[in-house]
C-alpha atoms as a PDB file:
ATOM      1  CA  MET A   1      78.416 -41.386 -19.434  1.00  0.00           C
ATOM      2  CA  LYS A   2      77.613 -42.231 -22.692  1.00  0.00           C
ATOM      3  CA  LYS A   3      75.220 -45.158 -21.308  1.00  0.00           C
ATOM      4  CA  LEU A   4      73.594 -42.697 -18.953  1.00  0.00           C
ATOM      5  CA  PHE A   5      73.031 -40.784 -22.008  1.00  0.00           C
ATOM      6  CA  ALA A   6      71.532 -43.465 -23.985  1.00  0.00           C
ATOM      7  CA  ILE A   7      69.137 -44.454 -21.144  1.00  0.00           C
ATOM      8  CA  PHE A   8      67.368 -40.328 -20.835  1.00  0.00           C
ATOM      9  CA  ALA A   9      67.485 -40.434 -24.556  1.00  0.00           C
ATOM     10  CA  VAL A  10      65.566 -44.109 -24.302  1.00  0.00           C
ATOM     11  CA  ALA A  11      63.216 -42.638 -21.237  1.00  0.00           C
ATOM     12  CA  ALA A  12      62.559 -39.572 -23.210  1.00  0.00           C
ATOM     13  CA  VAL A  13      61.083 -41.270 -26.724  1.00  0.00           C
ATOM     14  CA  LEU A  14      59.426 -43.493 -24.332  1.00  0.00           C
ATOM     15  CA  THR A  15      57.414 -41.012 -22.834  1.00  0.00           C
ATOM     16  CA  ALA A  16      57.382 -39.000 -25.165  1.00  0.00           C
ATOM     17  CA  CYS A  17      55.345 -41.343 -26.837  1.00  0.00           C
ATOM     18  CA  ASN A  18      53.232 -42.814 -24.246  1.00  0.00           C
ATOM     19  CA  ASN A  19      51.872 -39.937 -22.725  1.00  0.00           C
ATOM     20  CA  ASP A  20      48.615 -40.965 -21.252  1.00  0.00           C
ATOM     21  CA  GLY A  21      50.205 -39.922 -17.390  1.00  0.00           C
ATOM     22  CA  ASP A  22      48.846 -36.266 -17.573  1.00  0.00           C
ATOM     23  CA  LYS A  23      45.613 -37.307 -19.468  1.00  0.00           C
ATOM     24  CA  ALA A  24      42.637 -36.481 -17.035  1.00  0.00           C
ATOM     25  CA  PRO A  25      40.313 -39.988 -16.882  1.00  0.00           C
ATOM     26  CA  GLU A  26      37.930 -41.273 -19.601  1.00  0.00           C
ATOM     27  CA  THR A  27      34.603 -40.711 -18.617  1.00  0.00           C
ATOM     28  CA  LYS A  28      31.671 -42.010 -20.153  1.00  0.00           C
ATOM     29  CA  THR A  29      28.889 -40.159 -20.761  1.00  0.00           C
ATOM     30  CA  ASP A  30      25.875 -40.826 -22.515  1.00  0.00           C
ATOM     31  CA  SER A  31      25.427 -37.363 -25.078  1.00  0.00           C
ATOM     32  CA  ALA A  32      21.915 -37.261 -24.044  1.00  0.00           C
ATOM     33  CA  ASN A  33      22.004 -37.754 -20.490  1.00  0.00           C
ATOM     34  CA  ALA A  34      24.982 -35.040 -20.474  1.00  0.00           C
ATOM     35  CA  THR A  35      24.465 -31.102 -19.206  1.00  0.00           C
ATOM     36  CA  SER A  36      26.371 -28.508 -19.870  1.00  0.00           C
ATOM     37  CA  PRO A  37      26.922 -25.057 -17.929  1.00  0.00           C
ATOM     38  CA  ALA A  38      24.517 -23.267 -20.307  1.00  0.00           C
ATOM     39  CA  ALA A  39      22.254 -25.811 -20.337  1.00  0.00           C
ATOM     40  CA  ASP A  40      21.784 -26.013 -16.243  1.00  0.00           C
ATOM     41  CA  ALA A  41      21.823 -21.988 -15.992  1.00  0.00           C
ATOM     42  CA  GLN A  42      18.909 -21.950 -19.057  1.00  0.00           C
ATOM     43  CA  LYS A  43      16.842 -24.177 -16.328  1.00  0.00           C
ATOM     44  CA  ILE A  44      17.583 -22.461 -13.914  1.00  0.00           C
ATOM     45  CA  ALA A  45      15.842 -19.482 -15.059  1.00  0.00           C
ATOM     46  CA  ASP A  46      13.315 -21.042 -16.144  1.00  0.00           C
ATOM     47  CA  THR A  47      12.805 -21.898 -12.642  1.00  0.00           C
ATOM     48  CA  ALA A  48      12.986 -18.765 -11.542  1.00  0.00           C
ATOM     49  CA  GLY A  49      10.702 -17.613 -14.055  1.00  0.00           C
ATOM     50  CA  LYS A  50       7.752 -19.955 -12.936  1.00  0.00           C
ATOM     51  CA  MET A  51       8.222 -19.127  -9.670  1.00  0.00           C
ATOM     52  CA  MET A  52       7.681 -15.002 -10.092  1.00  0.00           C
ATOM     53  CA  ASP A  53       4.475 -16.065 -12.262  1.00  0.00           C
ATOM     54  CA  THR A  54       3.669 -17.812  -9.463  1.00  0.00           C
ATOM     55  CA  ALA A  55       4.130 -14.907  -7.095  1.00  0.00           C
ATOM     56  CA  MET A  56       2.950 -12.605  -9.187  1.00  0.00           C
ATOM     57  CA  LYS A  57      -0.306 -14.783  -9.374  1.00  0.00           C
ATOM     58  CA  LYS A  58      -0.313 -15.441  -5.644  1.00  0.00           C
ATOM     59  CA  ALA A  59      -0.493 -11.531  -5.345  1.00  0.00           C
ATOM     60  CA  GLY A  60      -2.350 -10.642  -7.732  1.00  0.00           C
ATOM     61  CA  ASP A  61      -4.801 -13.160  -5.392  1.00  0.00           C
ATOM     62  CA  MET A  62      -4.431 -12.059  -1.996  1.00  0.00           C
ATOM     63  CA  MET A  63      -4.724  -8.115  -3.352  1.00  0.00           C
ATOM     64  CA  ASP A  64      -7.810  -9.472  -4.723  1.00  0.00           C
ATOM     65  CA  THR A  65      -9.519 -11.122  -1.730  1.00  0.00           C
ATOM     66  CA  VAL A  66      -8.113  -8.305   0.233  1.00  0.00           C
ATOM     67  CA  LYS A  67     -10.127  -6.400  -1.916  1.00  0.00           C
ATOM     68  CA  SER A  68     -12.957  -7.851  -1.594  1.00  0.00           C
ATOM     69  CA  LYS A  69     -12.773  -7.841   1.737  1.00  0.00           C
ATOM     70  CA  ALA A  70     -12.519  -4.241   2.246  1.00  0.00           C
ATOM     71  CA  GLY A  71     -15.103  -3.335  -0.368  1.00  0.00           C
ATOM     72  CA  ALA A  72     -17.535  -5.712   1.825  1.00  0.00           C
ATOM     73  CA  MET A  73     -15.692  -3.862   5.288  1.00  0.00           C
ATOM     74  CA  MET A  74     -16.570  -0.154   4.087  1.00  0.00           C
ATOM     75  CA  ASP A  75     -20.395  -1.864   2.927  1.00  0.00           C
ATOM     76  CA  LYS A  76     -20.472  -2.653   6.734  1.00  0.00           C
ATOM     77  CA  ALA A  77     -19.355   0.241   8.244  1.00  0.00           C
ATOM     78  CA  LYS A  78     -21.494   3.002   5.356  1.00  0.00           C
ATOM     79  CA  GLU A  79     -24.875   1.109   6.787  1.00  0.00           C
ATOM     80  CA  GLY A  80     -23.755   1.708   9.759  1.00  0.00           C
ATOM     81  CA  VAL A  81     -22.995   5.041   9.280  1.00  0.00           C
ATOM     82  CA  LYS A  82     -26.433   5.587   7.385  1.00  0.00           C
ATOM     83  CA  GLU A  83     -27.817   4.462  10.490  1.00  0.00           C
ATOM     84  CA  THR A  84     -26.397   6.320  12.512  1.00  0.00           C
ATOM     85  CA  ALA A  85     -27.050   9.434  10.414  1.00  0.00           C
ATOM     86  CA  THR A  86     -30.850   8.669  10.689  1.00  0.00           C
ATOM     87  CA  LYS A  87     -30.932   8.171  14.409  1.00  0.00           C
ATOM     88  CA  VAL A  88     -28.873  11.318  14.805  1.00  0.00           C
ATOM     89  CA  ALA A  89     -31.675  13.520  12.297  1.00  0.00           C
ATOM     90  CA  GLU A  90     -34.627  11.717  14.344  1.00  0.00           C
ATOM     91  CA  GLY A  91     -32.877  12.618  17.299  1.00  0.00           C
ATOM     92  CA  ALA A  92     -32.162  16.533  16.284  1.00  0.00           C
ATOM     93  CA  LYS A  93     -35.853  16.823  15.003  1.00  0.00           C
ATOM     94  CA  GLU A  94     -37.078  16.073  18.327  1.00  0.00           C
ATOM     95  CA  ALA A  95     -34.746  18.300  19.954  1.00  0.00           C
ATOM     96  CA  GLY A  96     -35.742  20.316  17.586  1.00  0.00           C
ATOM     97  CA  LYS A  97     -39.643  19.918  18.666  1.00  0.00           C
ATOM     98  CA  ASP A  98     -38.005  20.272  22.063  1.00  0.00           C
ATOM     99  CA  VAL A  99     -36.846  23.454  21.671  1.00  0.00           C
ATOM    100  CA  LYS A 100     -39.874  24.628  19.183  1.00  0.00           C
ATOM    101  CA  ASN A 101     -42.558  23.637  22.320  1.00  0.00           C
ATOM    102  CA  ALA A 102     -40.143  25.531  24.965  1.00  0.00           C
ATOM    103  CA  ALA A 103     -39.760  28.517  22.778  1.00  0.00           C
ATOM    104  CA  ASN A 104     -43.839  28.757  22.519  1.00  0.00           C
ATOM    105  CA  LYS A 105     -43.906  27.623  26.554  1.00  0.00           C
ATOM    106  CA  MET A 106     -41.721  30.645  27.352  1.00  0.00           C
ATOM    107  CA  VAL A 107     -44.257  32.967  24.437  1.00  0.00           C
ATOM    108  CA  ASP A 108     -46.905  31.768  26.228  1.00  0.00           C
ATOM    109  CA  LYS A 109     -45.821  32.658  29.754  1.00  0.00           C
ATOM    110  CA  ALA A 110     -44.224  36.191  28.113  1.00  0.00           C
ATOM    111  CA  LYS A 111     -47.893  36.452  26.222  1.00  0.00           C
ATOM    112  CA  ASP A 112     -49.321  35.824  29.986  1.00  0.00           C
ATOM    113  CA  ALA A 113     -47.001  37.917  32.009  1.00  0.00           C
ATOM    114  CA  VAL A 114     -47.902  41.074  28.993  1.00  0.00           C
ATOM    115  CA  LYS A 115     -51.326  40.694  30.111  1.00  0.00           C
ATOM    116  CA  HIS A 116     -51.389  41.301  34.009  1.00  0.00           C
END
């Protein structure tokens, strides 16, 4: 029994002094190449910020393009409306002249009828 306790004591001393088995294996890294989670998060945040800036710029450019195209369409529509309005006004003048001529003819007929 004394021998068993002696063996356990020696094993305990050796284990306590040489406890390299519990340590994680050391890896050598350059401090310049090492990244921390905070640095990674900052890089991701910067990348996301750049992406948002690019998206905002592209959206602004797209809206400017839409605005210019819509403006051109509105100008064409205005020209078309002006032409149509001019044609309608001319048509109305002609119709007014026709009505006036027809009314004058009716008045002349009425005068002739009254004379007889």
